[in-house]
C-alpha cells in the first residue's frame, strides 16, 4: 500500500470500489498531469445512505449529515482517480473541489456541507490537499442525492 492509502486506513476509512456511472460518462479522465473526476455521489456499497434536500426542518437532510455524505463522495472520487492512475501517491496536489448541494430554498449553508469533503482531503493529503473550491446550491441532484462532489487533482 502507498502512503495515501495508508493514511486513509489510519483515518479508519477504506477506499471503496469505483461507483458505476449512472449515465453515459466515465468516472475520471486524465489530461496531461491532471485528473478530472465526474461528479461522485455518496454511494456506500451501491446505495445512497440518505437522500433528499439539505436544510433545517422536518423531512430535510441535516447539514451535518450532508457533510458526512460529502466525505463519502470525496472517497468515491479518490477511488475513481485510483482506478485510472493506480497509485494515489502520484497525486501532487488537490487543485479544485466542486460541491453541489441539493438545497431547500431557505438553506444557504452549502459551504459548510462541502467542508466535509475539503476537511477530509486535508486530513489525507495535508498541505497538498488545500484547494480552490466552489460550493453550489442546486434544486435537485441525480437519484435524489443530497450532495455531489467532483475533483481536479494534479499528478507528480
N, C-alpha and C. Protein backbone atom coordinates (compact mmCIF):
# COMPACT_ATOMS: atom_id res chain seq x y z
N UNK A 1 0.84 -1.18 0.00
CA UNK A 1 0.00 0.00 0.00
C UNK A 1 0.88 1.24 0.00
N UNK A 2 0.35 2.31 -0.56
CA UNK A 2 1.09 3.56 -0.62
C UNK A 2 0.82 4.42 0.59
N UNK A 3 1.51 5.54 0.65
CA UNK A 3 1.39 6.48 1.76
C UNK A 3 -0.04 6.99 1.88
N UNK A 4 -0.65 7.38 0.76
CA UNK A 4 -2.00 7.93 0.80
C UNK A 4 -2.99 6.86 1.25
N UNK A 5 -2.89 5.68 0.71
CA UNK A 5 -3.78 4.59 1.10
C UNK A 5 -3.60 4.25 2.58
N UNK A 6 -2.35 4.27 3.04
CA UNK A 6 -2.09 4.04 4.47
C UNK A 6 -2.74 5.12 5.31
N UNK A 7 -2.67 6.37 4.87
CA UNK A 7 -3.27 7.47 5.61
C UNK A 7 -4.78 7.31 5.68
N UNK A 8 -5.39 6.90 4.58
CA UNK A 8 -6.83 6.66 4.57
C UNK A 8 -7.18 5.59 5.59
N UNK A 9 -6.39 4.52 5.65
CA UNK A 9 -6.61 3.45 6.63
C UNK A 9 -6.43 3.96 8.06
N UNK A 10 -5.42 4.80 8.29
CA UNK A 10 -5.19 5.38 9.62
C UNK A 10 -6.40 6.17 10.09
N UNK A 11 -7.13 6.75 9.16
CA UNK A 11 -8.32 7.52 9.48
C UNK A 11 -9.53 6.63 9.72
N UNK A 12 -9.31 5.30 9.60
CA UNK A 12 -10.41 4.35 9.80
C UNK A 12 -11.31 4.22 8.60
N UNK A 13 -10.81 4.62 7.43
CA UNK A 13 -11.59 4.60 6.21
C UNK A 13 -10.99 3.61 5.22
N UNK A 14 -11.76 3.25 4.24
CA UNK A 14 -11.25 2.42 3.14
C UNK A 14 -11.67 3.06 1.83
N UNK A 15 -10.84 2.87 0.85
CA UNK A 15 -11.16 3.35 -0.49
C UNK A 15 -12.15 2.37 -1.10
N UNK A 16 -13.34 2.82 -1.47
CA UNK A 16 -14.35 1.91 -2.00
C UNK A 16 -14.05 1.51 -3.44
N UNK A 17 -14.80 0.53 -3.93
CA UNK A 17 -14.77 0.22 -5.35
C UNK A 17 -15.36 1.43 -6.09
N UNK A 18 -14.95 1.62 -7.32
CA UNK A 18 -15.46 2.75 -8.10
C UNK A 18 -16.95 2.56 -8.33
N UNK A 19 -17.70 3.61 -8.05
CA UNK A 19 -19.15 3.58 -8.27
C UNK A 19 -19.42 3.52 -9.77
N UNK A 20 -20.34 2.66 -10.14
CA UNK A 20 -20.71 2.54 -11.56
C UNK A 20 -21.40 3.82 -12.01
N UNK A 21 -21.05 4.33 -13.19
CA UNK A 21 -21.71 5.53 -13.70
C UNK A 21 -23.23 5.31 -13.83
N UNK A 22 -24.00 6.36 -13.54
CA UNK A 22 -25.45 6.26 -13.65
C UNK A 22 -25.96 6.77 -15.01
N UNK A 23 -25.04 7.14 -15.90
CA UNK A 23 -25.40 7.61 -17.23
C UNK A 23 -24.21 7.35 -18.16
N UNK A 24 -24.13 8.07 -19.27
CA UNK A 24 -23.08 7.85 -20.26
C UNK A 24 -21.90 8.76 -20.01
N UNK A 25 -20.95 8.29 -19.23
CA UNK A 25 -19.72 9.02 -18.92
C UNK A 25 -18.75 8.04 -18.27
N UNK A 26 -17.53 8.49 -18.04
CA UNK A 26 -16.55 7.69 -17.30
C UNK A 26 -16.30 8.37 -15.95
N UNK A 27 -15.88 7.62 -14.94
CA UNK A 27 -15.69 8.20 -13.61
C UNK A 27 -14.57 9.24 -13.53
N UNK A 28 -13.53 9.09 -14.37
CA UNK A 28 -12.41 10.03 -14.33
C UNK A 28 -11.69 10.02 -15.67
N UNK A 29 -11.07 11.16 -15.99
CA UNK A 29 -10.32 11.32 -17.23
C UNK A 29 -9.00 12.01 -16.89
N UNK A 30 -7.93 11.51 -17.50
CA UNK A 30 -6.62 12.15 -17.35
C UNK A 30 -6.33 12.99 -18.58
N UNK A 31 -5.82 14.20 -18.34
CA UNK A 31 -5.35 15.06 -19.41
C UNK A 31 -4.01 15.64 -18.95
N UNK A 32 -2.94 15.14 -19.53
CA UNK A 32 -1.60 15.58 -19.11
C UNK A 32 -1.35 15.21 -17.66
N UNK A 33 -1.03 16.22 -16.84
CA UNK A 33 -0.74 15.99 -15.43
C UNK A 33 -1.97 16.10 -14.54
N UNK A 34 -3.15 16.21 -15.14
CA UNK A 34 -4.37 16.43 -14.36
C UNK A 34 -5.35 15.29 -14.53
N UNK A 35 -6.07 15.00 -13.44
CA UNK A 35 -7.18 14.05 -13.49
C UNK A 35 -8.43 14.79 -13.04
N UNK A 36 -9.45 14.72 -13.86
CA UNK A 36 -10.75 15.32 -13.59
C UNK A 36 -11.71 14.18 -13.29
N UNK A 37 -12.43 14.28 -12.18
CA UNK A 37 -13.44 13.25 -11.93
C UNK A 37 -14.80 13.77 -12.37
N UNK A 38 -15.64 12.83 -12.73
CA UNK A 38 -17.04 13.15 -12.90
C UNK A 38 -17.61 13.40 -11.51
N UNK A 39 -18.78 14.00 -11.44
CA UNK A 39 -19.42 14.19 -10.15
C UNK A 39 -19.67 12.84 -9.49
N UNK A 40 -19.29 12.74 -8.24
CA UNK A 40 -19.44 11.49 -7.49
C UNK A 40 -20.50 11.67 -6.41
N UNK A 41 -21.39 10.69 -6.34
CA UNK A 41 -22.44 10.69 -5.33
C UNK A 41 -21.95 9.91 -4.10
N UNK A 42 -22.62 10.04 -2.97
CA UNK A 42 -22.17 9.37 -1.75
C UNK A 42 -22.65 7.92 -1.63
N UNK A 43 -22.40 7.13 -2.66
CA UNK A 43 -22.79 5.72 -2.60
C UNK A 43 -21.95 4.96 -1.58
N UNK A 44 -22.59 4.10 -0.82
CA UNK A 44 -21.93 3.16 0.07
C UNK A 44 -22.46 1.79 -0.31
N UNK A 45 -21.58 0.94 -0.82
CA UNK A 45 -22.00 -0.39 -1.27
C UNK A 45 -23.17 -0.33 -2.24
N UNK A 46 -23.13 0.65 -3.14
CA UNK A 46 -24.15 0.77 -4.18
C UNK A 46 -25.44 1.43 -3.76
N UNK A 47 -25.53 1.89 -2.53
CA UNK A 47 -26.76 2.52 -2.05
C UNK A 47 -26.46 3.91 -1.50
N UNK A 48 -27.46 4.77 -1.59
CA UNK A 48 -27.36 6.12 -1.04
C UNK A 48 -27.71 6.06 0.45
N UNK A 49 -26.81 6.51 1.35
CA UNK A 49 -27.10 6.42 2.78
C UNK A 49 -28.26 7.30 3.24
N UNK A 50 -28.49 8.40 2.54
CA UNK A 50 -29.58 9.32 2.84
C UNK A 50 -29.91 10.04 1.54
N UNK A 51 -31.13 10.50 1.40
CA UNK A 51 -31.47 11.22 0.17
C UNK A 51 -32.38 12.39 0.50
N UNK A 52 -32.45 13.32 -0.44
CA UNK A 52 -33.32 14.47 -0.29
C UNK A 52 -32.57 15.78 -0.27
N UNK A 53 -33.31 16.82 -0.02
CA UNK A 53 -32.76 18.17 0.02
C UNK A 53 -32.17 18.46 1.40
N UNK A 54 -31.16 19.32 1.41
CA UNK A 54 -30.48 19.68 2.65
C UNK A 54 -31.09 20.94 3.23
N UNK A 55 -31.25 20.94 4.54
CA UNK A 55 -31.77 22.11 5.22
C UNK A 55 -32.09 21.79 6.66
N UNK A 56 -32.77 22.71 7.31
CA UNK A 56 -33.20 22.53 8.69
C UNK A 56 -34.71 22.34 8.69
N UNK A 57 -35.18 21.27 9.28
CA UNK A 57 -36.62 21.07 9.37
C UNK A 57 -37.03 19.65 9.03
N UNK A 58 -38.27 19.38 9.26
CA UNK A 58 -38.82 18.04 9.04
C UNK A 58 -38.68 17.62 7.59
N UNK A 59 -38.23 16.39 7.39
CA UNK A 59 -38.13 15.83 6.05
C UNK A 59 -36.89 16.25 5.27
N UNK A 60 -36.02 17.05 5.88
CA UNK A 60 -34.81 17.52 5.20
C UNK A 60 -33.59 16.80 5.75
N UNK A 61 -32.56 16.69 4.92
CA UNK A 61 -31.29 16.12 5.35
C UNK A 61 -30.55 17.20 6.14
N UNK A 62 -30.16 16.88 7.35
CA UNK A 62 -29.46 17.86 8.19
C UNK A 62 -28.09 18.19 7.58
N UNK A 63 -27.64 19.44 7.71
CA UNK A 63 -26.35 19.82 7.15
C UNK A 63 -25.19 18.93 7.61
N UNK A 64 -25.17 18.52 8.86
CA UNK A 64 -24.09 17.66 9.36
C UNK A 64 -24.12 16.30 8.66
N UNK A 65 -25.31 15.77 8.41
CA UNK A 65 -25.42 14.50 7.69
C UNK A 65 -24.98 14.67 6.23
N UNK A 66 -25.33 15.81 5.64
CA UNK A 66 -24.92 16.09 4.26
C UNK A 66 -23.40 16.24 4.18
N UNK A 67 -22.78 16.84 5.21
CA UNK A 67 -21.31 16.96 5.23
C UNK A 67 -20.69 15.56 5.29
N UNK A 68 -21.31 14.65 6.02
CA UNK A 68 -20.85 13.25 6.02
C UNK A 68 -20.96 12.63 4.65
N UNK A 69 -22.02 12.96 3.94
CA UNK A 69 -22.18 12.48 2.56
C UNK A 69 -21.09 13.05 1.65
N UNK A 70 -20.70 14.29 1.89
CA UNK A 70 -19.63 14.89 1.10
C UNK A 70 -18.32 14.15 1.32
N UNK A 71 -18.06 13.70 2.55
CA UNK A 71 -16.87 12.89 2.85
C UNK A 71 -16.91 11.58 2.06
N UNK A 72 -18.07 10.95 2.05
CA UNK A 72 -18.20 9.69 1.31
C UNK A 72 -17.99 9.93 -0.18
N UNK A 73 -18.59 10.99 -0.71
CA UNK A 73 -18.48 11.29 -2.14
C UNK A 73 -17.03 11.57 -2.53
N UNK A 74 -16.27 12.25 -1.65
CA UNK A 74 -14.87 12.53 -2.00
C UNK A 74 -14.06 11.24 -1.97
N UNK A 75 -14.39 10.31 -1.10
CA UNK A 75 -13.72 8.99 -1.15
C UNK A 75 -14.03 8.28 -2.45
N UNK A 76 -15.28 8.40 -2.91
CA UNK A 76 -15.64 7.80 -4.20
C UNK A 76 -14.88 8.47 -5.34
N UNK A 77 -14.66 9.78 -5.24
CA UNK A 77 -13.88 10.48 -6.26
C UNK A 77 -12.43 10.00 -6.24
N UNK A 78 -11.86 9.83 -5.07
CA UNK A 78 -10.49 9.32 -4.98
C UNK A 78 -10.40 7.90 -5.51
N UNK A 79 -11.44 7.11 -5.31
CA UNK A 79 -11.46 5.75 -5.87
C UNK A 79 -11.45 5.81 -7.40
N UNK A 80 -12.17 6.78 -7.98
CA UNK A 80 -12.18 6.94 -9.43
C UNK A 80 -10.79 7.33 -9.93
N UNK A 81 -10.11 8.20 -9.19
CA UNK A 81 -8.74 8.59 -9.55
C UNK A 81 -7.83 7.38 -9.47
N UNK A 82 -7.91 6.64 -8.38
CA UNK A 82 -7.06 5.46 -8.18
C UNK A 82 -7.27 4.42 -9.28
N UNK A 83 -8.50 4.23 -9.69
CA UNK A 83 -8.79 3.25 -10.73
C UNK A 83 -8.15 3.66 -12.06
N UNK A 84 -8.00 4.95 -12.26
CA UNK A 84 -7.42 5.45 -13.51
C UNK A 84 -5.89 5.44 -13.47
N UNK A 85 -5.30 5.87 -12.35
CA UNK A 85 -3.84 6.04 -12.32
C UNK A 85 -3.12 4.98 -11.50
N UNK A 86 -3.85 4.18 -10.75
CA UNK A 86 -3.24 3.13 -9.96
C UNK A 86 -2.90 3.54 -8.55
N UNK A 87 -1.95 4.41 -8.37
CA UNK A 87 -1.40 4.74 -7.06
C UNK A 87 -1.72 6.19 -6.70
N UNK A 88 -2.47 6.39 -5.62
CA UNK A 88 -2.81 7.75 -5.20
C UNK A 88 -1.60 8.56 -4.77
N UNK A 89 -0.46 7.90 -4.55
CA UNK A 89 0.76 8.65 -4.21
C UNK A 89 1.24 9.49 -5.38
N UNK A 90 0.69 9.28 -6.57
CA UNK A 90 1.03 10.12 -7.72
C UNK A 90 0.40 11.51 -7.63
N UNK A 91 -0.56 11.68 -6.73
CA UNK A 91 -1.22 12.98 -6.58
C UNK A 91 -0.25 13.96 -5.92
N UNK A 92 0.06 15.02 -6.66
CA UNK A 92 0.94 16.07 -6.14
C UNK A 92 0.15 17.07 -5.31
N UNK A 93 -1.07 17.39 -5.78
CA UNK A 93 -1.94 18.29 -5.03
C UNK A 93 -3.37 18.17 -5.52
N UNK A 94 -4.27 18.47 -4.62
CA UNK A 94 -5.68 18.62 -4.98
C UNK A 94 -5.83 20.07 -5.43
N UNK A 95 -6.25 20.27 -6.66
CA UNK A 95 -6.32 21.62 -7.22
C UNK A 95 -7.67 22.27 -6.94
N UNK A 96 -8.76 21.51 -7.19
CA UNK A 96 -10.09 22.11 -7.07
C UNK A 96 -11.11 21.07 -6.67
N UNK A 97 -12.04 21.49 -5.86
CA UNK A 97 -13.21 20.70 -5.48
C UNK A 97 -14.44 21.49 -5.88
N UNK A 98 -15.38 20.83 -6.52
CA UNK A 98 -16.68 21.44 -6.78
C UNK A 98 -17.71 20.57 -6.06
N UNK A 99 -18.48 21.22 -5.20
CA UNK A 99 -19.51 20.51 -4.46
C UNK A 99 -20.88 21.08 -4.79
N UNK A 100 -21.80 20.19 -5.12
CA UNK A 100 -23.18 20.56 -5.39
C UNK A 100 -24.03 20.06 -4.22
N UNK A 101 -24.89 20.90 -3.71
CA UNK A 101 -25.73 20.54 -2.57
C UNK A 101 -27.19 20.74 -2.98
N UNK A 102 -27.97 19.66 -2.96
CA UNK A 102 -29.41 19.76 -3.21
C UNK A 102 -30.01 20.49 -2.02
N UNK A 103 -30.47 21.71 -2.25
CA UNK A 103 -30.80 22.60 -1.14
C UNK A 103 -32.27 22.96 -1.07
N UNK A 104 -32.80 22.94 0.15
CA UNK A 104 -34.09 23.54 0.42
C UNK A 104 -33.95 25.03 0.06
N UNK A 105 -35.00 25.66 -0.47
CA UNK A 105 -34.87 27.06 -0.88
C UNK A 105 -34.37 28.01 0.22
N UNK A 106 -34.61 27.69 1.48
CA UNK A 106 -34.17 28.57 2.56
C UNK A 106 -32.76 28.27 3.04
N UNK A 107 -32.13 27.22 2.52
CA UNK A 107 -30.82 26.80 3.02
C UNK A 107 -29.70 27.54 2.30
N UNK A 108 -28.78 28.13 3.06
CA UNK A 108 -27.65 28.86 2.48
C UNK A 108 -26.31 28.38 3.03
N UNK A 109 -26.29 27.20 3.64
CA UNK A 109 -25.07 26.69 4.25
C UNK A 109 -24.28 25.72 3.39
N UNK A 110 -24.33 25.88 2.09
CA UNK A 110 -23.62 24.97 1.18
C UNK A 110 -22.13 24.87 1.50
N UNK A 111 -21.44 25.98 1.79
CA UNK A 111 -20.01 25.85 2.11
C UNK A 111 -19.75 24.93 3.30
N UNK A 112 -20.59 25.00 4.30
CA UNK A 112 -20.44 24.14 5.49
C UNK A 112 -20.59 22.67 5.12
N UNK A 113 -21.50 22.36 4.22
CA UNK A 113 -21.69 20.98 3.77
C UNK A 113 -20.47 20.50 3.01
N UNK A 114 -19.98 21.29 2.07
CA UNK A 114 -18.84 20.89 1.24
C UNK A 114 -17.56 20.83 2.07
N UNK A 115 -17.55 21.50 3.23
CA UNK A 115 -16.40 21.36 4.13
C UNK A 115 -16.14 19.90 4.48
N UNK A 116 -17.17 19.06 4.48
CA UNK A 116 -16.96 17.65 4.75
C UNK A 116 -15.94 17.05 3.79
N UNK A 117 -16.04 17.39 2.53
CA UNK A 117 -15.08 16.90 1.53
C UNK A 117 -13.73 17.58 1.70
N UNK A 118 -13.73 18.89 1.86
CA UNK A 118 -12.48 19.65 1.97
C UNK A 118 -11.67 19.23 3.19
N UNK A 119 -12.34 19.07 4.31
CA UNK A 119 -11.63 18.69 5.53
C UNK A 119 -11.02 17.30 5.41
N UNK A 120 -11.74 16.37 4.79
CA UNK A 120 -11.19 15.02 4.62
C UNK A 120 -9.97 15.06 3.70
N UNK A 121 -10.01 15.83 2.65
CA UNK A 121 -8.85 15.95 1.77
C UNK A 121 -7.64 16.51 2.52
N UNK A 122 -7.88 17.46 3.42
CA UNK A 122 -6.80 17.98 4.25
C UNK A 122 -6.26 16.92 5.19
N UNK A 123 -7.13 16.10 5.77
CA UNK A 123 -6.69 15.03 6.66
C UNK A 123 -5.85 13.99 5.91
N UNK A 124 -6.20 13.74 4.66
CA UNK A 124 -5.49 12.73 3.87
C UNK A 124 -4.19 13.28 3.31
N UNK A 125 -4.24 14.45 2.68
CA UNK A 125 -3.09 14.96 1.92
C UNK A 125 -2.31 16.07 2.62
N UNK A 126 -2.76 16.56 3.76
CA UNK A 126 -2.08 17.66 4.42
C UNK A 126 -2.11 18.91 3.54
N UNK A 127 -0.98 19.61 3.46
CA UNK A 127 -0.92 20.86 2.69
C UNK A 127 -1.24 20.64 1.21
N UNK A 128 -0.95 19.46 0.68
CA UNK A 128 -1.26 19.17 -0.73
C UNK A 128 -2.77 19.01 -0.96
N UNK A 129 -3.54 18.91 0.12
CA UNK A 129 -4.99 18.79 0.00
C UNK A 129 -5.72 20.13 0.05
N UNK A 130 -4.98 21.23 0.26
CA UNK A 130 -5.59 22.56 0.28
C UNK A 130 -5.89 22.95 -1.16
N UNK A 131 -7.11 23.39 -1.44
CA UNK A 131 -7.56 23.53 -2.82
C UNK A 131 -8.49 24.74 -3.00
N UNK A 132 -8.67 25.10 -4.26
CA UNK A 132 -9.72 26.05 -4.63
C UNK A 132 -11.04 25.28 -4.59
N UNK A 133 -12.16 26.00 -4.44
CA UNK A 133 -13.41 25.28 -4.28
C UNK A 133 -14.61 26.11 -4.68
N UNK A 134 -15.65 25.42 -5.13
CA UNK A 134 -16.97 26.01 -5.32
C UNK A 134 -17.97 25.15 -4.56
N UNK A 135 -18.91 25.79 -3.88
CA UNK A 135 -19.99 25.10 -3.18
C UNK A 135 -21.29 25.68 -3.71
N UNK A 136 -22.03 24.88 -4.46
CA UNK A 136 -23.17 25.37 -5.23
C UNK A 136 -24.46 24.72 -4.75
N UNK A 137 -25.45 25.53 -4.46
CA UNK A 137 -26.78 25.02 -4.13
C UNK A 137 -27.56 24.77 -5.41
N UNK A 138 -28.19 23.60 -5.49
CA UNK A 138 -28.98 23.24 -6.67
C UNK A 138 -30.34 22.71 -6.22
N UNK A 139 -31.29 22.69 -7.15
CA UNK A 139 -32.65 22.25 -6.83
C UNK A 139 -32.72 20.75 -6.58
N UNK A 140 -32.00 19.97 -7.37
CA UNK A 140 -32.06 18.52 -7.24
C UNK A 140 -30.82 17.92 -7.87
N UNK A 141 -30.41 16.76 -7.37
CA UNK A 141 -29.25 16.04 -7.90
C UNK A 141 -29.69 14.65 -8.35
N UNK A 142 -28.87 13.97 -9.15
CA UNK A 142 -29.23 12.64 -9.61
C UNK A 142 -29.57 11.71 -8.44
N UNK A 143 -30.57 10.88 -8.64
CA UNK A 143 -31.01 9.87 -7.68
C UNK A 143 -31.40 10.47 -6.34
N UNK A 144 -31.76 11.75 -6.34
CA UNK A 144 -32.17 12.47 -5.14
C UNK A 144 -31.05 12.55 -4.09
N UNK A 145 -29.81 12.53 -4.57
CA UNK A 145 -28.66 12.65 -3.67
C UNK A 145 -28.63 14.04 -3.05
N UNK A 146 -28.22 14.13 -1.78
CA UNK A 146 -28.09 15.45 -1.18
C UNK A 146 -26.83 16.19 -1.61
N UNK A 147 -25.82 15.44 -2.09
CA UNK A 147 -24.51 16.02 -2.39
C UNK A 147 -23.90 15.32 -3.60
N UNK A 148 -23.13 16.08 -4.37
CA UNK A 148 -22.30 15.54 -5.45
C UNK A 148 -20.98 16.29 -5.42
N UNK A 149 -19.88 15.54 -5.55
CA UNK A 149 -18.54 16.13 -5.46
C UNK A 149 -17.74 15.76 -6.68
N UNK A 150 -17.01 16.74 -7.23
CA UNK A 150 -16.04 16.44 -8.28
C UNK A 150 -14.68 17.02 -7.89
N UNK A 151 -13.63 16.36 -8.38
CA UNK A 151 -12.26 16.74 -8.04
C UNK A 151 -11.44 17.02 -9.29
N UNK A 152 -10.46 17.89 -9.12
CA UNK A 152 -9.39 18.08 -10.09
C UNK A 152 -8.10 17.92 -9.29
N UNK A 153 -7.29 16.93 -9.68
CA UNK A 153 -6.02 16.71 -9.00
C UNK A 153 -4.88 16.80 -10.00
N UNK A 154 -3.73 17.27 -9.51
CA UNK A 154 -2.52 17.35 -10.32
C UNK A 154 -1.60 16.19 -9.92
N UNK A 155 -1.03 15.53 -10.93
CA UNK A 155 -0.13 14.42 -10.69
C UNK A 155 1.31 14.88 -10.73
N UNK A 156 2.16 14.17 -10.03
CA UNK A 156 3.58 14.50 -9.99
C UNK A 156 4.23 14.19 -11.34
